[in-house]
Structure formats: structure tokens, C-alpha cells
Amino acid sequence: MEPSDELRDPQPLSTVFGWGAGVGAPLTVKLALPNLDTQVTHVSTGRTQKAAVTKNGRLLLWEVNTFLELP
């Protein structure tokens, strides 16, 4: 291992983004996952809700507030 590798933050196994609802330009938001080792296998989106299923069967949900912001 290189000395510089020890200083880097560990990378997540999965990354999920939400998009849309931007005025003038699309809004893209990185959705929070519970842990770096979370492995997302399926994603579904609706107008205000987003859902994902992890490799171990956990269901994750996100919902947009009235200001179109994710928590």
C-alpha cells in the first residue's frame, strides 16, 4: 500500500443520485446511504419518493419535502 492510500477516505460500495425538479437546470442530489458498505441492487423513483433495495434485502426510502429538498 502506498502511503498516500492510507490518507484517502474509503469509497462507498454504492452511490445513488436523485434528479429533477430544478428550475432552469436539473437538480442532482446524492442520496445518503446508511453505511459505506451498503450495496444497492435495485432503485425505483416516483415524483417525490425514491426507494432502493440493498443486497441484504433492506429497503431504503427517501422523500422530498415541500421545498424539493432531500433530508
N, C-alpha and C. Protein backbone atom coordinates (compact mmCIF):
# COMPACT_ATOMS: atom_id res chain seq x y z
N MET A 1 0.84 -1.17 0.00
CA MET A 1 0.00 0.00 0.00
C MET A 1 0.88 1.23 0.00
N GLU A 2 0.49 2.16 -0.82
CA GLU A 2 1.21 3.43 -0.90
C GLU A 2 0.87 4.28 0.32
N PRO A 3 1.78 5.08 0.83
CA PRO A 3 1.48 5.95 1.97
C PRO A 3 0.30 6.88 1.70
N SER A 4 0.15 7.37 0.46
CA SER A 4 -0.96 8.28 0.15
C SER A 4 -2.30 7.56 0.21
N ASP A 5 -2.35 6.23 -0.02
CA ASP A 5 -3.59 5.46 0.05
C ASP A 5 -4.17 5.46 1.46
N GLU A 6 -3.32 5.51 2.47
CA GLU A 6 -3.79 5.50 3.85
C GLU A 6 -4.53 6.78 4.21
N LEU A 7 -4.25 7.88 3.50
CA LEU A 7 -4.86 9.17 3.81
C LEU A 7 -6.20 9.37 3.11
N ARG A 8 -6.51 8.57 2.11
CA ARG A 8 -7.75 8.72 1.36
C ARG A 8 -8.92 8.19 2.16
N ASP A 9 -10.08 8.83 1.98
CA ASP A 9 -11.30 8.35 2.60
C ASP A 9 -11.74 7.07 1.88
N PRO A 10 -12.30 6.11 2.61
CA PRO A 10 -12.79 4.91 1.95
C PRO A 10 -13.96 5.25 1.03
N GLN A 11 -14.04 4.59 -0.09
CA GLN A 11 -15.09 4.84 -1.07
C GLN A 11 -16.29 3.94 -0.80
N PRO A 12 -17.51 4.46 -0.98
CA PRO A 12 -18.70 3.64 -0.77
C PRO A 12 -18.81 2.57 -1.85
N LEU A 13 -19.49 1.46 -1.51
CA LEU A 13 -19.72 0.40 -2.49
C LEU A 13 -20.79 0.79 -3.49
N SER A 14 -21.73 1.66 -3.09
CA SER A 14 -22.81 2.11 -3.98
C SER A 14 -23.02 3.61 -3.81
N THR A 15 -23.51 4.24 -4.87
CA THR A 15 -23.90 5.63 -4.82
C THR A 15 -25.22 5.76 -5.56
N VAL A 16 -26.18 6.49 -4.96
CA VAL A 16 -27.49 6.69 -5.57
C VAL A 16 -27.74 8.19 -5.69
N PHE A 17 -28.20 8.62 -6.86
CA PHE A 17 -28.49 10.03 -7.10
C PHE A 17 -29.97 10.22 -7.38
N GLY A 18 -30.50 11.36 -6.96
CA GLY A 18 -31.84 11.80 -7.34
C GLY A 18 -31.68 12.97 -8.27
N TRP A 19 -32.65 13.18 -9.17
CA TRP A 19 -32.53 14.28 -10.10
C TRP A 19 -33.91 14.81 -10.45
N GLY A 20 -33.91 15.99 -11.05
CA GLY A 20 -35.15 16.62 -11.49
C GLY A 20 -35.54 17.77 -10.59
N ALA A 21 -36.66 18.41 -10.92
CA ALA A 21 -37.27 19.49 -10.15
C ALA A 21 -36.41 20.75 -10.09
N GLY A 22 -35.39 20.84 -10.90
CA GLY A 22 -34.59 22.06 -10.91
C GLY A 22 -35.27 23.13 -11.76
N VAL A 23 -35.11 24.38 -11.41
CA VAL A 23 -35.66 25.47 -12.20
C VAL A 23 -34.53 26.02 -13.04
N GLY A 24 -34.63 25.88 -14.34
CA GLY A 24 -33.59 26.36 -15.24
C GLY A 24 -32.53 25.31 -15.52
N ALA A 25 -32.21 24.49 -14.55
CA ALA A 25 -31.23 23.42 -14.72
C ALA A 25 -31.65 22.26 -13.83
N PRO A 26 -31.43 21.04 -14.27
CA PRO A 26 -31.80 19.89 -13.44
C PRO A 26 -31.08 19.89 -12.10
N LEU A 27 -31.79 19.46 -11.08
CA LEU A 27 -31.22 19.33 -9.74
C LEU A 27 -30.73 17.89 -9.58
N THR A 28 -29.49 17.71 -9.21
CA THR A 28 -28.95 16.38 -8.96
C THR A 28 -28.48 16.33 -7.51
N VAL A 29 -28.95 15.33 -6.77
CA VAL A 29 -28.64 15.21 -5.35
C VAL A 29 -28.13 13.80 -5.08
N LYS A 30 -27.01 13.71 -4.38
CA LYS A 30 -26.50 12.42 -3.94
C LYS A 30 -27.29 12.00 -2.71
N LEU A 31 -27.97 10.85 -2.77
CA LEU A 31 -28.79 10.38 -1.67
C LEU A 31 -27.93 9.70 -0.63
N ALA A 32 -28.25 9.95 0.63
CA ALA A 32 -27.47 9.38 1.73
C ALA A 32 -27.76 7.90 1.90
N LEU A 33 -26.71 7.11 2.06
CA LEU A 33 -26.83 5.69 2.36
C LEU A 33 -26.36 5.47 3.80
N PRO A 34 -26.88 4.45 4.48
CA PRO A 34 -26.57 4.28 5.90
C PRO A 34 -25.11 3.98 6.22
N ASN A 35 -24.42 3.24 5.34
CA ASN A 35 -23.02 2.85 5.59
C ASN A 35 -22.24 2.83 4.29
N LEU A 36 -20.93 2.87 4.40
CA LEU A 36 -20.10 2.77 3.20
C LEU A 36 -20.20 1.40 2.55
N ASP A 37 -20.53 0.36 3.34
CA ASP A 37 -20.59 -0.99 2.78
C ASP A 37 -21.99 -1.37 2.28
N THR A 38 -22.92 -0.40 2.19
CA THR A 38 -24.25 -0.66 1.65
C THR A 38 -24.14 -0.91 0.15
N GLN A 39 -24.70 -2.03 -0.31
CA GLN A 39 -24.69 -2.38 -1.73
C GLN A 39 -26.12 -2.32 -2.25
N VAL A 40 -26.41 -1.32 -3.08
CA VAL A 40 -27.74 -1.15 -3.65
C VAL A 40 -27.85 -2.00 -4.90
N THR A 41 -28.94 -2.79 -4.99
CA THR A 41 -29.16 -3.66 -6.15
C THR A 41 -30.31 -3.19 -7.03
N HIS A 42 -31.30 -2.50 -6.45
CA HIS A 42 -32.46 -2.04 -7.21
C HIS A 42 -32.84 -0.63 -6.75
N VAL A 43 -33.30 0.19 -7.71
CA VAL A 43 -33.73 1.55 -7.41
C VAL A 43 -35.06 1.80 -8.12
N SER A 44 -35.96 2.52 -7.45
CA SER A 44 -37.23 2.93 -8.04
C SER A 44 -37.50 4.36 -7.63
N THR A 45 -38.05 5.15 -8.55
CA THR A 45 -38.32 6.56 -8.23
C THR A 45 -39.74 6.94 -8.60
N GLY A 46 -40.26 7.87 -7.87
CA GLY A 46 -41.55 8.47 -8.16
C GLY A 46 -41.39 9.97 -8.17
N ARG A 47 -42.51 10.68 -8.13
CA ARG A 47 -42.45 12.14 -8.18
C ARG A 47 -41.72 12.72 -6.97
N THR A 48 -42.05 12.23 -5.77
CA THR A 48 -41.41 12.77 -4.56
C THR A 48 -40.69 11.72 -3.74
N GLN A 49 -40.93 10.45 -4.01
CA GLN A 49 -40.28 9.38 -3.25
C GLN A 49 -39.25 8.64 -4.10
N LYS A 50 -38.22 8.20 -3.42
CA LYS A 50 -37.19 7.36 -4.04
C LYS A 50 -37.02 6.14 -3.15
N ALA A 51 -36.77 4.97 -3.73
CA ALA A 51 -36.61 3.75 -2.95
C ALA A 51 -35.46 2.94 -3.53
N ALA A 52 -34.80 2.19 -2.66
CA ALA A 52 -33.73 1.29 -3.08
C ALA A 52 -33.78 0.04 -2.23
N VAL A 53 -33.37 -1.07 -2.83
CA VAL A 53 -33.25 -2.34 -2.11
C VAL A 53 -31.77 -2.70 -2.10
N THR A 54 -31.27 -3.10 -0.93
CA THR A 54 -29.86 -3.45 -0.80
C THR A 54 -29.65 -4.94 -1.05
N LYS A 55 -28.41 -5.32 -1.18
CA LYS A 55 -28.04 -6.72 -1.42
C LYS A 55 -28.56 -7.64 -0.31
N ASN A 56 -28.61 -7.14 0.94
CA ASN A 56 -29.09 -7.97 2.04
C ASN A 56 -30.60 -7.84 2.27
N GLY A 57 -31.33 -7.19 1.35
CA GLY A 57 -32.78 -7.12 1.41
C GLY A 57 -33.36 -5.94 2.15
N ARG A 58 -32.55 -5.01 2.58
CA ARG A 58 -33.03 -3.84 3.31
C ARG A 58 -33.67 -2.85 2.33
N LEU A 59 -34.81 -2.27 2.71
CA LEU A 59 -35.50 -1.28 1.91
C LEU A 59 -35.13 0.11 2.42
N LEU A 60 -34.64 0.97 1.54
CA LEU A 60 -34.29 2.34 1.89
C LEU A 60 -35.25 3.27 1.17
N LEU A 61 -35.75 4.30 1.87
CA LEU A 61 -36.69 5.26 1.29
C LEU A 61 -36.21 6.68 1.51
N TRP A 62 -36.43 7.54 0.53
CA TRP A 62 -36.17 8.96 0.65
C TRP A 62 -37.41 9.68 0.16
N GLU A 63 -37.70 10.84 0.76
CA GLU A 63 -38.84 11.63 0.31
C GLU A 63 -38.43 13.10 0.26
N VAL A 64 -38.91 13.79 -0.76
CA VAL A 64 -38.61 15.20 -0.93
C VAL A 64 -39.60 16.01 -0.10
N ASN A 65 -39.11 17.07 0.57
CA ASN A 65 -40.00 17.95 1.34
C ASN A 65 -40.69 18.94 0.41
N THR A 66 -41.47 19.85 0.95
CA THR A 66 -42.22 20.81 0.12
C THR A 66 -41.33 21.79 -0.62
N PHE A 67 -40.06 21.90 -0.23
CA PHE A 67 -39.12 22.78 -0.92
C PHE A 67 -38.27 22.00 -1.91
N LEU A 68 -38.68 20.73 -2.22
CA LEU A 68 -37.98 19.86 -3.15
C LEU A 68 -36.54 19.59 -2.69
N GLU A 69 -36.36 19.48 -1.38
CA GLU A 69 -35.06 19.16 -0.82
C GLU A 69 -35.13 17.79 -0.18
N LEU A 70 -34.07 17.02 -0.31
CA LEU A 70 -33.97 15.73 0.37
C LEU A 70 -33.35 15.94 1.73
N PRO A 71 -33.74 15.16 2.73
CA PRO A 71 -33.14 15.31 4.06
C PRO A 71 -31.68 14.97 4.08
